[in-house]
Protein backbone atom coordinates (compact mmCIF):
# COMPACT_ATOMS: atom_id res chain seq x y z
CA MET A 1 50.29 -193.14 199.62
CA ASN A 2 51.16 -191.57 196.17
CA ALA A 3 50.21 -188.12 195.41
CA PRO A 4 47.83 -187.67 192.94
CA ASN A 5 48.36 -187.23 189.34
CA VAL A 6 48.02 -183.98 188.62
CA PRO A 7 49.97 -181.68 186.19
CA ALA A 8 53.22 -179.81 187.91
CA ALA A 9 51.74 -176.35 187.02
CA ILE A 10 47.72 -175.69 186.24
CA GLY A 11 47.77 -171.70 186.32
CA MET A 12 48.44 -169.55 183.51
CA ASP A 13 52.56 -170.17 183.60
CA ALA A 14 51.23 -173.53 182.21
CA LEU A 15 49.58 -172.01 178.76
CA ASN A 16 51.31 -171.23 175.91
CA VAL A 17 49.41 -168.82 174.49
CA HIS A 18 50.58 -169.45 170.79
CA ALA A 19 49.49 -173.15 170.87
CA ALA A 20 46.07 -174.21 169.38
CA ILE A 21 43.12 -174.39 171.86
CA ALA A 22 41.06 -177.54 171.51
CA PRO A 23 37.96 -177.29 170.00
CA LEU A 24 34.84 -177.07 172.08
CA PRO A 25 33.14 -180.53 172.53
CA PRO A 26 29.90 -180.14 170.80
CA ASN A 27 26.37 -180.35 172.52
CA ASN A 28 23.98 -180.17 169.53
CA ASN A 29 21.07 -180.92 171.94
CA ILE A 30 21.35 -177.90 174.41
CA ARG A 31 17.81 -176.05 174.51
CA VAL A 32 16.77 -173.11 176.71
CA ARG A 33 15.32 -175.24 179.67
CA ASP A 34 18.91 -176.83 179.80
CA ILE A 35 20.65 -173.73 180.17
CA VAL A 36 17.93 -172.48 182.69
CA ARG A 37 18.87 -175.25 184.72
CA LEU A 38 22.51 -174.49 185.06
CA ILE A 39 22.02 -171.22 186.53
CA ASP A 40 22.59 -171.59 190.50
CA ARG A 41 19.52 -170.56 192.46
CA PHE A 42 21.07 -168.35 194.39
CA VAL A 43 22.17 -166.50 191.27
CA LEU A 44 18.29 -166.31 190.38
CA TRP A 45 17.27 -165.32 194.12
CA ASN A 46 20.04 -162.67 194.18
CA MET A 47 19.15 -160.88 190.93
CA LYS A 48 15.33 -160.86 191.98
CA ALA A 49 16.35 -159.61 195.45
CA THR A 50 18.59 -157.09 194.06
CA CYS A 51 15.73 -155.70 191.47
CA MET A 52 13.58 -155.77 194.33
CA ARG A 53 15.13 -153.44 196.98
CA ASN A 54 15.18 -149.47 196.78
CA ILE A 55 18.29 -148.82 195.19
CA HIS A 56 19.61 -145.61 194.70
CA TYR A 57 22.46 -145.98 192.20
CA GLU A 58 22.24 -148.50 189.09
CA HIS A 59 25.53 -149.76 189.68
CA ASP A 60 24.21 -150.83 192.99
CA SER A 61 22.88 -153.85 190.82
CA TYR A 62 26.03 -154.73 188.82
CA GLY A 63 27.22 -157.56 191.17
CA ALA A 64 24.08 -159.34 191.02
CA ILE A 65 23.81 -158.68 187.03
CA ASN A 66 27.44 -159.80 186.28
CA ASP A 67 26.88 -163.21 187.90
CA TYR A 68 23.55 -163.52 186.29
CA LEU A 69 24.72 -162.96 183.08
CA HIS A 70 28.13 -165.31 183.71
CA SER A 71 25.54 -168.25 184.41
CA ILE A 72 23.69 -167.83 181.17
CA PHE A 73 26.75 -167.28 179.30
CA PRO A 74 29.28 -169.54 181.12
CA PRO A 75 33.22 -168.76 180.02
CA SER A 76 33.46 -172.81 179.64
CA ARG A 77 31.94 -172.19 176.04
CA ARG A 78 33.68 -169.37 175.60
CA PHE A 79 31.73 -166.47 176.00
CA SER A 80 32.73 -163.24 177.46
CA ILE A 81 31.24 -160.57 179.49
CA ALA A 82 32.56 -156.92 179.51
CA PRO A 83 31.52 -154.72 181.85
CA GLN A 84 31.62 -151.34 180.54
CA GLY A 85 31.98 -153.07 177.17
CA LEU A 86 33.73 -150.47 174.63
CA LEU A 87 32.03 -149.94 171.11
CA ARG A 88 33.84 -147.71 168.56
CA MET A 89 32.54 -146.13 165.34
CA ALA A 90 33.64 -148.25 162.10
CA VAL A 91 35.91 -146.10 159.64
CA PRO A 92 36.80 -147.06 156.23
CA GLY A 93 40.31 -149.21 156.43
CA PRO A 94 42.87 -150.24 154.43
CA ASP A 95 42.31 -153.09 151.28
CA LEU A 96 43.74 -156.08 152.86
CA SER A 97 43.33 -158.01 149.58
CA ASP A 98 46.53 -155.62 148.34
CA THR A 99 49.62 -157.81 149.42
CA HIS A 100 51.29 -154.47 149.60
CA THR A 101 49.73 -152.89 151.60
CA SER A 102 51.45 -154.41 154.79
CA GLN A 103 54.85 -153.26 153.48
CA ALA A 104 53.54 -150.03 152.09
CA THR A 105 55.66 -147.26 153.46
CA ASP A 106 54.43 -144.19 155.40
CA SER A 107 54.40 -141.79 152.74
CA SER A 108 52.11 -144.09 150.66
CA ASP A 109 48.41 -143.58 150.66
CA ASP A 110 48.28 -147.36 151.79
CA GLY A 111 50.50 -146.72 154.47
CA ASN A 112 49.10 -143.60 155.75
CA GLN A 113 45.51 -145.57 156.00
CA VAL A 114 47.07 -148.48 157.87
CA ALA A 115 48.58 -146.14 160.41
CA ASP A 116 45.57 -144.02 160.95
CA THR A 117 43.24 -147.13 161.69
CA SER A 118 42.97 -150.17 163.91
CA LEU A 119 41.42 -153.61 163.57
CA GLY A 120 39.11 -154.23 166.47
CA SER A 121 37.98 -157.23 168.11
CA PHE A 122 34.39 -157.17 165.83
CA GLY A 123 36.08 -157.12 162.70
CA ALA A 124 35.63 -153.14 162.17
CA PHE A 125 38.21 -150.65 161.34
CA HIS A 126 38.73 -147.77 164.00
CA ALA A 127 40.70 -144.93 164.01
CA SER A 128 44.04 -145.09 165.63
CA ARG A 129 44.56 -143.88 168.82
CA ASN A 130 47.71 -141.91 166.77
CA ARG A 131 45.49 -139.63 165.55
CA ASN A 132 45.29 -136.16 167.22
CA GLY A 133 42.13 -134.87 169.42
CA PRO A 134 39.44 -137.19 171.42
CA GLU A 135 37.81 -140.06 169.18
CA LYS A 136 34.39 -139.29 168.24
CA GLY A 137 31.27 -141.91 168.72
CA LYS A 138 32.37 -144.56 170.83
CA LYS A 139 30.28 -145.49 173.90
CA TYR A 140 30.72 -147.61 177.10
CA ILE A 141 27.89 -149.99 177.35
CA ASP A 142 27.19 -151.54 180.85
CA PHE A 143 27.46 -155.29 179.61
CA THR A 144 28.53 -156.62 176.19
CA VAL A 145 28.42 -160.33 175.77
CA SER A 146 30.94 -161.92 172.91
CA LYS A 147 31.62 -165.32 171.66
CA VAL A 148 35.45 -165.74 171.58
CA SER A 149 37.62 -167.71 169.04
CA PRO A 150 41.04 -168.77 170.59
CA THR A 151 43.13 -167.40 167.33
CA SER A 152 45.58 -164.70 166.96
CA ILE A 153 46.69 -163.65 170.44
CA THR A 154 47.30 -160.01 168.78
CA VAL A 155 43.54 -159.91 167.24
CA PRO A 156 41.18 -161.81 169.22
CA GLU A 157 38.37 -162.81 166.66
CA GLN A 158 35.00 -162.25 168.78
CA GLU A 159 31.35 -162.09 167.84
CA LEU A 160 29.25 -159.65 169.43
CA LEU A 161 26.00 -161.48 170.75
CA THR A 162 23.90 -159.29 172.49
CA PHE A 163 24.36 -156.39 175.06
CA VAL A 164 22.46 -155.07 178.44
CA GLU A 165 22.20 -151.57 179.57
CA VAL A 166 21.15 -151.00 183.01
CA LYS A 167 18.77 -147.96 184.38
CA ARG A 168 17.40 -147.22 187.64
CA GLU A 169 14.26 -145.86 186.37
CA LEU A 170 11.29 -146.54 184.42
CA LEU A 171 12.58 -146.99 180.58
CA SER A 172 9.96 -144.97 178.76
CA ASN A 173 11.46 -141.70 177.83
CA TRP A 174 13.52 -140.30 174.95
CA ALA A 175 16.95 -140.15 176.36
CA ASN A 176 16.88 -143.51 177.04
CA GLU A 177 15.87 -144.24 173.67
CA LYS A 178 18.00 -142.15 171.97
CA GLN A 179 21.23 -143.79 173.89
CA MET A 180 20.18 -147.09 172.87
CA ARG A 181 19.44 -146.02 169.46
CA ALA A 182 23.43 -144.91 169.38
CA TYR A 183 24.41 -147.84 170.95
CA MET A 184 22.36 -150.27 168.09
CA LEU A 185 23.98 -147.87 165.20
CA LEU A 186 27.19 -148.53 166.58
CA VAL A 187 26.30 -152.58 166.77
CA ALA A 188 25.13 -152.22 163.23
CA SER A 189 28.61 -151.22 161.78
CA GLN A 190 30.60 -154.57 163.28
CA PRO A 191 31.29 -157.23 161.11
CA ARG A 192 31.07 -159.62 163.20
CA ARG A 193 27.79 -159.50 165.23
CA ALA A 194 25.04 -162.36 166.08
CA PRO A 195 22.22 -162.28 163.19
CA ASN A 196 18.98 -161.38 164.26
CA PHE A 197 20.70 -159.12 166.87
CA ARG A 198 19.11 -158.29 169.90
CA ALA A 199 20.04 -156.26 172.96
CA PHE A 200 18.05 -155.30 176.44
CA MET A 201 17.56 -151.97 178.22
CA VAL A 202 17.07 -153.20 182.36
CA SER A 203 15.28 -151.04 184.47
CA VAL A 204 16.38 -152.55 188.04
CA ARG A 205 13.78 -150.41 190.09
CA SER A 206 10.58 -151.13 188.25
CA HIS A 207 12.15 -154.73 186.88
CA GLU A 208 11.18 -154.23 183.32
CA ILE A 209 12.88 -154.73 179.98
CA VAL A 210 12.67 -152.91 176.33
CA GLU A 211 14.11 -155.06 173.35
CA TYR A 212 16.11 -153.38 170.65
CA TYR A 213 16.40 -155.06 167.52
CA PHE A 214 16.91 -154.47 163.12
CA THR A 215 13.81 -154.45 161.19
CA PRO A 216 14.28 -156.26 157.97
CA ASN A 217 15.73 -153.01 156.12
CA GLY A 218 17.98 -152.14 159.26
CA ALA A 219 16.36 -149.72 161.16
CA VAL A 220 16.37 -149.61 164.66
CA SER A 221 13.07 -150.64 166.60
CA TRP A 222 12.10 -151.94 170.07
CA THR A 223 9.26 -153.78 172.30
CA GLY A 224 7.12 -152.00 174.65
CA ALA A 225 8.26 -152.17 178.39
CA THR A 226 7.63 -155.68 179.84
CA ASP A 227 8.03 -156.96 183.44
CA PHE A 228 10.89 -159.35 183.16
CA PHE A 229 9.69 -161.29 186.44
CA LEU A 230 6.72 -162.54 184.26
CA PRO A 231 6.95 -165.95 183.35
CA GLY A 232 8.41 -167.27 179.75
CA THR A 233 6.77 -168.66 177.06
CA GLN A 234 7.38 -172.01 178.62
CA ARG A 235 7.55 -173.06 182.15
CA GLU A 236 10.61 -174.85 182.10
CA HIS A 237 12.45 -171.37 180.65
CA GLY A 238 11.74 -169.39 183.80
CA ASP A 239 11.31 -165.54 183.56
CA ILE A 240 11.03 -163.86 180.06
CA LEU A 241 14.65 -162.17 180.47
CA THR A 242 16.43 -165.60 181.43
CA GLU A 243 14.31 -167.09 178.45
CA LYS A 244 15.56 -164.24 176.05
CA LEU A 245 19.08 -164.58 177.12
CA ALA A 246 19.14 -168.59 177.46
CA ASN A 247 18.03 -168.29 173.75
CA ILE A 248 21.11 -166.44 172.71
CA ALA A 249 23.20 -168.41 174.80
CA SER A 250 21.75 -171.86 172.95
CA ARG A 251 22.26 -170.46 169.66
CA PHE A 252 26.03 -169.98 169.96
CA TRP A 253 27.01 -172.97 172.54
CA ASN A 254 28.91 -174.50 170.36
């Protein structure tokens, strides 16, 4: 009996990272309900069961939330979930339209500017790690969600779609709002971010969400706390949180 016709190597050793990756097969008819149906029932069960337990630390919920987010934003559609995703403060960068900038010497103004900055995944320039002292303004968010375009291996192009910050207790306090406002201001400085950007603070023990967004004039605003176990606007969409996240996934599916 002949062996099945499979590639000699199917692991990472078979990949040429410098070669072009085929474009995603389009699915222009994907709907929120279609994405919800793709989620394994165990994932939804584990998410709800975790939120109903009397957990003592928010990190006790990270496994269930990580599985949940990956099910809504699958890597097969080139979504990327980053636990403890880093957002850094944007700083003025070099003028990349100047063809001489990349050849500037360290003694030139442009050369010093290039040496003092680095280009981040979301298109913003940041302070170089070669600078003295700790970097100011960087924040680690519990989960960031981005769409990855397979371009350069040196500067991967990503678009920031949303983030989820997890809390154990109730959300209605000044410290949490201050933290989320700081995160959103960092998002605002990233050139490659989703239009109509939305982010979520999730309280595990009270299973509530607060949704954060930008007003038309660029200010940070938010909704009142809502029980995310409540049904979405349509029965087929499941609960409110799943509906909101699946709506973001559907917009960036292709």
